[in-house]
C-alpha atoms as a PDB file:
ATOM      1  CA  UNK A   1     -19.471 -51.247  29.639  1.00  0.00           C
ATOM      2  CA  UNK A   2     -20.690 -54.227  31.622  1.00  0.00           C
ATOM      3  CA  UNK A   3     -17.140 -55.461  32.159  1.00  0.00           C
ATOM      4  CA  UNK A   4     -16.068 -52.111  33.653  1.00  0.00           C
ATOM      5  CA  UNK A   5     -18.986 -51.586  36.020  1.00  0.00           C
ATOM      6  CA  UNK A   6     -20.307 -55.048  36.802  1.00  0.00           C
ATOM      7  CA  UNK A   7     -23.889 -56.219  36.490  1.00  0.00           C
ATOM      8  CA  UNK A   8     -26.792 -53.731  36.652  1.00  0.00           C
ATOM      9  CA  UNK A   9     -28.550 -53.543  40.006  1.00  0.00           C
ATOM     10  CA  UNK A  10     -31.950 -55.153  40.362  1.00  0.00           C
ATOM     11  CA  UNK A  11     -34.987 -54.516  42.525  1.00  0.00           C
ATOM     12  CA  UNK A  12     -34.417 -52.471  45.642  1.00  0.00           C
ATOM     13  CA  UNK A  13     -30.737 -51.786  44.862  1.00  0.00           C
ATOM     14  CA  UNK A  14     -31.657 -49.907  41.675  1.00  0.00           C
ATOM     15  CA  UNK A  15     -32.609 -46.859  43.799  1.00  0.00           C
ATOM     16  CA  UNK A  16     -29.125 -46.759  45.395  1.00  0.00           C
ATOM     17  CA  UNK A  17     -27.873 -44.046  43.010  1.00  0.00           C
ATOM     18  CA  UNK A  18     -29.313 -40.534  43.225  1.00  0.00           C
ATOM     19  CA  UNK A  19     -30.092 -37.946  40.549  1.00  0.00           C
ATOM     20  CA  UNK A  20     -30.553 -40.430  37.716  1.00  0.00           C
ATOM     21  CA  UNK A  21     -27.247 -42.264  38.175  1.00  0.00           C
ATOM     22  CA  UNK A  22     -27.001 -45.876  36.958  1.00  0.00           C
ATOM     23  CA  UNK A  23     -26.413 -48.548  39.626  1.00  0.00           C
ATOM     24  CA  UNK A  24     -24.062 -51.509  39.111  1.00  0.00           C
ATOM     25  CA  UNK A  25     -23.112 -54.410  41.387  1.00  0.00           C
ATOM     26  CA  UNK A  26     -19.405 -55.080  41.648  1.00  0.00           C
ATOM     27  CA  UNK A  27     -19.366 -58.812  42.201  1.00  0.00           C
ATOM     28  CA  UNK A  28     -15.664 -59.003  42.985  1.00  0.00           C
ATOM     29  CA  UNK A  29     -16.098 -56.640  45.973  1.00  0.00           C
ATOM     30  CA  UNK A  30     -19.783 -57.361  46.689  1.00  0.00           C
ATOM     31  CA  UNK A  31     -20.612 -53.653  46.683  1.00  0.00           C
ATOM     32  CA  UNK A  32     -22.706 -51.197  44.681  1.00  0.00           C
ATOM     33  CA  UNK A  33     -21.272 -48.563  42.356  1.00  0.00           C
ATOM     34  CA  UNK A  34     -22.810 -45.663  40.469  1.00  0.00           C
ATOM     35  CA  UNK A  35     -22.159 -44.096  37.090  1.00  0.00           C
ATOM     36  CA  UNK A  36     -23.355 -40.497  37.386  1.00  0.00           C
ATOM     37  CA  UNK A  37     -25.059 -38.285  34.832  1.00  0.00           C
ATOM     38  CA  UNK A  38     -23.507 -34.988  33.739  1.00  0.00           C
ATOM     39  CA  UNK A  39     -23.028 -32.371  36.485  1.00  0.00           C
ATOM     40  CA  UNK A  40     -23.273 -34.901  39.346  1.00  0.00           C
ATOM     41  CA  UNK A  41     -20.502 -36.593  41.269  1.00  0.00           C
ATOM     42  CA  UNK A  42     -19.932 -38.596  44.433  1.00  0.00           C
ATOM     43  CA  UNK A  43     -20.152 -42.254  45.345  1.00  0.00           C
ATOM     44  CA  UNK A  44     -23.964 -42.133  44.984  1.00  0.00           C
ATOM     45  CA  UNK A  45     -24.202 -39.152  42.564  1.00  0.00           C
ATOM     46  CA  UNK A  46     -25.325 -36.995  45.492  1.00  0.00           C
ATOM     47  CA  UNK A  47     -23.215 -33.909  44.779  1.00  0.00           C
ATOM     48  CA  UNK A  48     -24.165 -31.318  42.169  1.00  0.00           C
ATOM     49  CA  UNK A  49     -21.238 -29.798  40.293  1.00  0.00           C
ATOM     50  CA  UNK A  50     -21.674 -26.120  39.489  1.00  0.00           C
ATOM     51  CA  UNK A  51     -21.330 -25.080  35.870  1.00  0.00           C
ATOM     52  CA  UNK A  52     -18.000 -23.472  35.032  1.00  0.00           C
ATOM     53  CA  UNK A  53     -16.621 -22.099  31.826  1.00  0.00           C
ATOM     54  CA  UNK A  54     -13.265 -23.658  32.496  1.00  0.00           C
ATOM     55  CA  UNK A  55     -12.849 -27.356  33.005  1.00  0.00           C
ATOM     56  CA  UNK A  56      -9.599 -26.605  34.812  1.00  0.00           C
ATOM     57  CA  UNK A  57     -10.359 -25.766  38.449  1.00  0.00           C
ATOM     58  CA  UNK A  58      -6.958 -24.115  38.915  1.00  0.00           C
ATOM     59  CA  UNK A  59      -7.779 -21.573  36.233  1.00  0.00           C
ATOM     60  CA  UNK A  60     -11.138 -20.816  37.848  1.00  0.00           C
ATOM     61  CA  UNK A  61      -9.425 -20.368  41.222  1.00  0.00           C
ATOM     62  CA  UNK A  62      -6.889 -18.019  39.664  1.00  0.00           C
ATOM     63  CA  UNK A  63      -9.665 -15.891  38.170  1.00  0.00           C
ATOM     64  CA  UNK A  64     -11.433 -15.661  41.545  1.00  0.00           C
ATOM     65  CA  UNK A  65      -8.150 -14.727  43.258  1.00  0.00           C
ATOM     66  CA  UNK A  66      -7.472 -11.977  40.700  1.00  0.00           C
ATOM     67  CA  UNK A  67     -10.956 -10.531  41.127  1.00  0.00           C
ATOM     68  CA  UNK A  68     -10.542 -10.484  44.920  1.00  0.00           C
ATOM     69  CA  UNK A  69      -7.136  -8.787  44.665  1.00  0.00           C
ATOM     70  CA  UNK A  70      -8.569  -6.183  42.280  1.00  0.00           C
ATOM     71  CA  UNK A  71     -11.432  -5.459  44.694  1.00  0.00           C
ATOM     72  CA  UNK A  72      -9.005  -5.149  47.606  1.00  0.00           C
ATOM     73  CA  UNK A  73      -6.837  -2.692  45.668  1.00  0.00           C
ATOM     74  CA  UNK A  74      -9.929  -0.673  44.732  1.00  0.00           C
ATOM     75  CA  UNK A  75     -11.018  -0.455  48.376  1.00  0.00           C
ATOM     76  CA  UNK A  76      -7.529   0.660  49.434  1.00  0.00           C
ATOM     77  CA  UNK A  77      -7.494   3.378  46.758  1.00  0.00           C
ATOM     78  CA  UNK A  78     -10.916   4.649  47.860  1.00  0.00           C
ATOM     79  CA  UNK A  79      -9.774   4.805  51.505  1.00  0.00           C
ATOM     80  CA  UNK A  80      -6.592   6.692  50.552  1.00  0.00           C
ATOM     81  CA  UNK A  81      -8.571   9.207  48.469  1.00  0.00           C
ATOM     82  CA  UNK A  82     -11.006   9.713  51.354  1.00  0.00           C
ATOM     83  CA  UNK A  83      -8.218  10.468  53.850  1.00  0.00           C
ATOM     84  CA  UNK A  84      -6.451  12.822  51.433  1.00  0.00           C
ATOM     85  CA  UNK A  85      -9.735  14.679  50.933  1.00  0.00           C
ATOM     86  CA  UNK A  86     -10.213  14.975  54.711  1.00  0.00           C
ATOM     87  CA  UNK A  87      -6.667  16.283  55.172  1.00  0.00           C
ATOM     88  CA  UNK A  88      -7.060  18.894  52.428  1.00  0.00           C
ATOM     89  CA  UNK A  89     -10.386  20.043  53.830  1.00  0.00           C
ATOM     90  CA  UNK A  90      -8.916  20.331  57.337  1.00  0.00           C
ATOM     91  CA  UNK A  91      -5.940  22.354  56.073  1.00  0.00           C
ATOM     92  CA  UNK A  92      -8.279  24.717  54.191  1.00  0.00           C
ATOM     93  CA  UNK A  93     -10.313  25.259  57.343  1.00  0.00           C
ATOM     94  CA  UNK A  94      -7.124  25.966  59.345  1.00  0.00           C
ATOM     95  CA  UNK A  95      -6.038  28.556  56.780  1.00  0.00           C
ATOM     96  CA  UNK A  96      -9.418  30.267  57.007  1.00  0.00           C
ATOM     97  CA  UNK A  97      -9.174  30.442  60.807  1.00  0.00           C
ATOM     98  CA  UNK A  98      -5.713  32.075  60.762  1.00  0.00           C
ATOM     99  CA  UNK A  99      -5.932  35.819  61.280  1.00  0.00           C
ATOM    100  CA  UNK A 100      -4.585  37.983  58.513  1.00  0.00           C
ATOM    101  CA  UNK A 101      -1.408  39.935  59.373  1.00  0.00           C
ATOM    102  CA  UNK A 102      -3.355  43.205  59.622  1.00  0.00           C
ATOM    103  CA  UNK A 103      -5.812  41.816  62.154  1.00  0.00           C
ATOM    104  CA  UNK A 104      -3.090  40.111  64.177  1.00  0.00           C
ATOM    105  CA  UNK A 105      -1.281  43.379  65.020  1.00  0.00           C
ATOM    106  CA  UNK A 106      -4.437  45.364  65.657  1.00  0.00           C
ATOM    107  CA  UNK A 107      -4.761  46.614  69.166  1.00  0.00           C
ATOM    108  CA  UNK A 108      -8.217  46.234  70.503  1.00  0.00           C
ATOM    109  CA  UNK A 109      -9.565  49.106  72.446  1.00  0.00           C
ATOM    110  CA  UNK A 110     -11.029  48.619  75.855  1.00  0.00           C
ATOM    111  CA  UNK A 111     -14.458  50.052  76.136  1.00  0.00           C
END
């Protein structure tokens, strides 16, 4: 492990890594490097990785995309049903307003 990461940091440099990461000095490049704990990433272990069931990010993205498409389809169906309901209600009201054939030919007397 020492050969891969260099020598452990000492003194003030030991606090270089965040969130419990282990600091190493890379002597060949004269720079500091961190080995992060689980669920952290970044050059200084500063980024928290959210827990996912799938280690494959493409699969997680596909699941999110499918859920969004399903929600969009559901909203479209609800809007279509709403407009069909409004049209049927309007046509029923128009039929109720139409005079029956008997009333249409009735002559109204002038009083």
